[in-house]
C-alpha atoms as a PDB file:
ATOM      1  CA  MET A   1      -4.777  24.651 -34.909  1.00  0.00           C
ATOM      2  CA  VAL A   2      -7.356  23.214 -37.284  1.00  0.00           C
ATOM      3  CA  ALA A   3      -9.071  24.891 -40.222  1.00  0.00           C
ATOM      4  CA  HIS A   4     -12.161  23.505 -41.946  1.00  0.00           C
ATOM      5  CA  GLN A   5     -11.441  23.025 -45.626  1.00  0.00           C
ATOM      6  CA  GLU A   6     -14.204  21.195 -47.436  1.00  0.00           C
ATOM      7  CA  ARG A   7     -17.737  19.901 -46.846  1.00  0.00           C
ATOM      8  CA  ASN A   8     -20.459  17.999 -48.698  1.00  0.00           C
ATOM      9  CA  ARG A   9     -18.634  16.820 -51.795  1.00  0.00           C
ATOM     10  CA  VAL A  10     -20.280  14.670 -54.450  1.00  0.00           C
ATOM     11  CA  GLN A  11     -18.295  11.527 -55.174  1.00  0.00           C
ATOM     12  CA  LYS A  12     -18.949   8.989 -57.976  1.00  0.00           C
ATOM     13  CA  GLY A  13     -22.559  10.066 -58.434  1.00  0.00           C
ATOM     14  CA  VAL A  14     -23.464   9.400 -54.795  1.00  0.00           C
ATOM     15  CA  TYR A  15     -23.992  12.173 -52.288  1.00  0.00           C
ATOM     16  CA  THR A  16     -21.404  11.620 -49.568  1.00  0.00           C
ATOM     17  CA  VAL A  17     -20.476  13.988 -46.768  1.00  0.00           C
ATOM     18  CA  ILE A  18     -16.717  14.344 -46.486  1.00  0.00           C
ATOM     19  CA  ASP A  19     -15.188  16.876 -44.133  1.00  0.00           C
ATOM     20  CA  ARG A  20     -11.506  17.797 -44.334  1.00  0.00           C
ATOM     21  CA  TYR A  21      -9.560  19.810 -41.801  1.00  0.00           C
ATOM     22  CA  VAL A  22      -6.065  21.247 -42.163  1.00  0.00           C
ATOM     23  CA  VAL A  23      -4.051  20.355 -39.050  1.00  0.00           C
ATOM     24  CA  ASP A  24      -1.030  22.302 -37.787  1.00  0.00           C
ATOM     25  CA  PHE A  25       1.266  19.296 -37.386  1.00  0.00           C
ATOM     26  CA  ALA A  26       3.951  21.068 -35.344  1.00  0.00           C
ATOM     27  CA  LYS A  27       1.462  22.437 -32.803  1.00  0.00           C
ATOM     28  CA  THR A  28      -0.565  19.237 -32.625  1.00  0.00           C
ATOM     29  CA  PHE A  29       2.176  16.590 -32.547  1.00  0.00           C
ATOM     30  CA  GLY A  30       5.486  18.476 -32.389  1.00  0.00           C
ATOM     31  CA  GLY A  31       7.277  15.862 -34.425  1.00  0.00           C
ATOM     32  CA  ALA A  32       7.155  12.240 -35.468  1.00  0.00           C
ATOM     33  CA  MET A  33       9.371   9.306 -36.307  1.00  0.00           C
ATOM     34  CA  LEU A  34       9.208   7.715 -39.747  1.00  0.00           C
ATOM     35  CA  LEU A  35       8.329   4.022 -39.474  1.00  0.00           C
ATOM     36  CA  GLY A  36       7.931   3.132 -43.142  1.00  0.00           C
ATOM     37  CA  ILE A  37       6.532   3.845 -46.601  1.00  0.00           C
ATOM     38  CA  GLU A  38       4.416   1.326 -48.517  1.00  0.00           C
ATOM     39  CA  PRO A  39       2.136   1.403 -51.578  1.00  0.00           C
ATOM     40  CA  LYS A  40      -1.481   2.181 -50.621  1.00  0.00           C
ATOM     41  CA  MET A  41      -3.462  -0.828 -51.758  1.00  0.00           C
ATOM     42  CA  GLN A  42      -7.105  -1.167 -52.776  1.00  0.00           C
ATOM     43  CA  ARG A  43      -9.356  -3.738 -54.427  1.00  0.00           C
ATOM     44  CA  SER A  44      -9.341  -3.653 -58.233  1.00  0.00           C
ATOM     45  CA  ASP A  45     -13.166  -3.828 -58.080  1.00  0.00           C
ATOM     46  CA  LYS A  46     -14.509  -1.919 -55.073  1.00  0.00           C
ATOM     47  CA  ASN A  47     -17.800  -3.849 -55.311  1.00  0.00           C
ATOM     48  CA  ASP A  48     -16.061  -7.259 -55.152  1.00  0.00           C
ATOM     49  CA  PRO A  49     -14.371  -7.976 -51.806  1.00  0.00           C
ATOM     50  CA  LYS A  50     -12.518 -10.902 -53.392  1.00  0.00           C
ATOM     51  CA  SER A  51     -11.033  -8.958 -56.305  1.00  0.00           C
ATOM     52  CA  ASP A  52      -7.266  -8.586 -56.618  1.00  0.00           C
ATOM     53  CA  MET A  53      -5.406  -5.892 -54.718  1.00  0.00           C
ATOM     54  CA  GLU A  54      -3.703  -3.126 -56.690  1.00  0.00           C
ATOM     55  CA  GLN A  55      -1.943   0.124 -55.860  1.00  0.00           C
ATOM     56  CA  ALA A  56      -4.379   2.999 -55.425  1.00  0.00           C
ATOM     57  CA  HIS A  57      -4.073   6.185 -57.480  1.00  0.00           C
ATOM     58  CA  ASP A  58      -5.706   9.605 -57.591  1.00  0.00           C
ATOM     59  CA  LYS A  59      -7.994  10.895 -60.362  1.00  0.00           C
ATOM     60  CA  ALA A  60      -4.962  11.966 -62.420  1.00  0.00           C
ATOM     61  CA  GLY A  61      -3.459   8.470 -62.190  1.00  0.00           C
ATOM     62  CA  VAL A  62      -0.688   9.429 -59.711  1.00  0.00           C
ATOM     63  CA  LEU A  63       0.107   6.550 -57.335  1.00  0.00           C
ATOM     64  CA  LYS A  64      -0.838   6.727 -53.644  1.00  0.00           C
ATOM     65  CA  TRP A  65       1.560   5.785 -50.846  1.00  0.00           C
ATOM     66  CA  THR A  66       0.996   5.182 -47.132  1.00  0.00           C
ATOM     67  CA  ILE A  67       3.504   6.715 -44.744  1.00  0.00           C
ATOM     68  CA  SER A  68       3.494   5.270 -41.227  1.00  0.00           C
ATOM     69  CA  LEU A  69       4.586   7.642 -38.469  1.00  0.00           C
ATOM     70  CA  ALA A  70       4.897   7.273 -34.706  1.00  0.00           C
ATOM     71  CA  VAL A  71       3.550  10.394 -32.987  1.00  0.00           C
ATOM     72  CA  GLN A  72       3.406  11.166 -29.262  1.00  0.00           C
ATOM     73  CA  THR A  73      -0.016  11.943 -27.846  1.00  0.00           C
ATOM     74  CA  LYS A  74      -0.203  14.958 -25.569  1.00  0.00           C
ATOM     75  CA  SER A  75      -2.174  13.771 -22.584  1.00  0.00           C
ATOM     76  CA  VAL A  76      -1.602  12.936 -18.922  1.00  0.00           C
ATOM     77  CA  ASN A  77      -0.436   9.436 -19.902  1.00  0.00           C
ATOM     78  CA  ALA A  78       1.597  10.385 -22.973  1.00  0.00           C
ATOM     79  CA  LYS A  79       2.114   7.456 -25.318  1.00  0.00           C
ATOM     80  CA  PHE A  80       3.054   6.878 -28.920  1.00  0.00           C
ATOM     81  CA  GLU A  81       0.455   6.165 -31.603  1.00  0.00           C
ATOM     82  CA  THR A  82       1.025   5.061 -35.168  1.00  0.00           C
ATOM     83  CA  ILE A  83      -0.786   7.100 -37.810  1.00  0.00           C
ATOM     84  CA  ALA A  84      -0.985   6.355 -41.521  1.00  0.00           C
ATOM     85  CA  ILE A  85      -0.799   9.317 -43.892  1.00  0.00           C
ATOM     86  CA  THR A  86      -1.535   9.114 -47.617  1.00  0.00           C
ATOM     87  CA  VAL A  87       0.630  11.015 -50.117  1.00  0.00           C
ATOM     88  CA  THR A  88       0.721  10.879 -53.911  1.00  0.00           C
ATOM     89  CA  SER A  89       3.849  10.397 -55.990  1.00  0.00           C
ATOM     90  CA  PRO A  90       4.625   8.721 -59.339  1.00  0.00           C
ATOM     91  CA  ASN A  91       7.487   6.830 -57.604  1.00  0.00           C
ATOM     92  CA  LYS A  92       8.133   5.674 -54.050  1.00  0.00           C
ATOM     93  CA  PRO A  93       8.695   8.933 -52.141  1.00  0.00           C
ATOM     94  CA  TYR A  94      11.232   9.733 -49.442  1.00  0.00           C
ATOM     95  CA  GLY A  95      13.501   6.759 -50.166  1.00  0.00           C
ATOM     96  CA  ALA A  96      16.469   8.754 -48.867  1.00  0.00           C
ATOM     97  CA  ILE A  97      14.882   9.125 -45.419  1.00  0.00           C
ATOM     98  CA  PRO A  98      15.680   6.019 -43.350  1.00  0.00           C
ATOM     99  CA  PRO A  99      13.131   4.575 -40.900  1.00  0.00           C
ATOM    100  CA  GLY A 100      13.632   5.998 -37.413  1.00  0.00           C
ATOM    101  CA  THR A 101      14.313   9.511 -38.699  1.00  0.00           C
ATOM    102  CA  PRO A 102      12.509  12.371 -36.897  1.00  0.00           C
ATOM    103  CA  VAL A 103      10.205  14.059 -39.452  1.00  0.00           C
ATOM    104  CA  THR A 104       7.557  16.723 -39.761  1.00  0.00           C
ATOM    105  CA  VAL A 105       4.516  16.799 -42.033  1.00  0.00           C
ATOM    106  CA  GLU A 106       3.576  19.602 -44.431  1.00  0.00           C
ATOM    107  CA  MET A 107      -0.088  20.426 -45.082  1.00  0.00           C
ATOM    108  CA  LEU A 108      -1.569  17.606 -43.008  1.00  0.00           C
ATOM    109  CA  GLU A 109      -5.286  17.111 -43.570  1.00  0.00           C
ATOM    110  CA  LEU A 110      -7.635  15.080 -41.421  1.00  0.00           C
ATOM    111  CA  GLY A 111     -10.663  13.727 -43.244  1.00  0.00           C
ATOM    112  CA  ILE A 112     -13.899  12.295 -41.874  1.00  0.00           C
ATOM    113  CA  MET A 113     -16.084  10.106 -44.054  1.00  0.00           C
ATOM    114  CA  PRO A 114     -19.235   8.130 -43.194  1.00  0.00           C
ATOM    115  CA  LYS A 115     -19.017   4.322 -43.477  1.00  0.00           C
ATOM    116  CA  ASP A 116     -21.595   2.345 -45.455  1.00  0.00           C
ATOM    117  CA  LYS A 117     -22.712   0.413 -42.373  1.00  0.00           C
ATOM    118  CA  GLY A 118     -22.792   3.369 -39.964  1.00  0.00           C
ATOM    119  CA  GLY A 119     -20.133   5.211 -38.048  1.00  0.00           C
ATOM    120  CA  PHE A 120     -17.278   7.227 -39.456  1.00  0.00           C
ATOM    121  CA  SER A 121     -13.824   6.675 -40.879  1.00  0.00           C
ATOM    122  CA  VAL A 122     -10.945   9.063 -40.170  1.00  0.00           C
ATOM    123  CA  PHE A 123      -8.013   9.408 -42.559  1.00  0.00           C
ATOM    124  CA  TYR A 124      -4.935  11.595 -42.987  1.00  0.00           C
ATOM    125  CA  SER A 125      -3.335  12.962 -46.140  1.00  0.00           C
ATOM    126  CA  ALA A 126      -0.444  15.369 -46.646  1.00  0.00           C
ATOM    127  CA  GLU A 127       1.530  17.212 -49.297  1.00  0.00           C
ATOM    128  CA  ALA A 128       4.922  16.071 -47.999  1.00  0.00           C
ATOM    129  CA  ILE A 129       7.062  14.923 -45.118  1.00  0.00           C
ATOM    130  CA  ARG A 130      10.583  16.131 -44.433  1.00  0.00           C
ATOM    131  CA  PRO A 131      13.304  15.336 -41.911  1.00  0.00           C
ATOM    132  CA  LEU A 132      13.478  17.582 -38.870  1.00  0.00           C
ATOM    133  CA  GLN A 133      16.695  19.533 -38.680  1.00  0.00           C
ATOM    134  CA  PRO A 134      18.803  18.353 -35.739  1.00  0.00           C
ATOM    135  CA  ALA A 135      19.188  20.843 -32.906  1.00  0.00           C
ATOM    136  CA  ARG A 136      22.510  22.628 -33.077  1.00  0.00           C
ATOM    137  CA  ALA A 137      24.814  22.132 -30.124  1.00  0.00           C
ATOM    138  CA  ALA A 138      25.844  25.295 -28.314  1.00  0.00           C
ATOM    139  CA  SER A 139      29.361  26.404 -29.252  1.00  0.00           C
ATOM    140  CA  GLY A 140      32.090  25.130 -26.953  1.00  0.00           C
ATOM    141  CA  GLN A 141      30.294  21.855 -26.151  1.00  0.00           C
END
């Protein structure tokens, strides 16, 4: 299930089309496995490709983090894909969740943004991830 959320947003004085869609993670992927959490990095000067790398942050100054998840595609030849999801947090989030843990994603958004040199870029962001609760064994087993 996907719901259109936003269209045609002005960004930094330049008219840029950005579409965002809310994705029902459970219905789309079922679940995922946490692979890792790293700071989301960007160039200190976006106009200088040789500038130093620094941790990205949102407009309020809250740090951005990249969460890598393995998700299973639902097709004839099911396989696992790695997706990167951006979350914001003043400190490294989800440190208590070890890599390899089955997780789900809350309020996953898929964004589509045009690239400067043509084509489009797809990105994911989310409010949170949380461990999936293990299935309870039937009594007497």
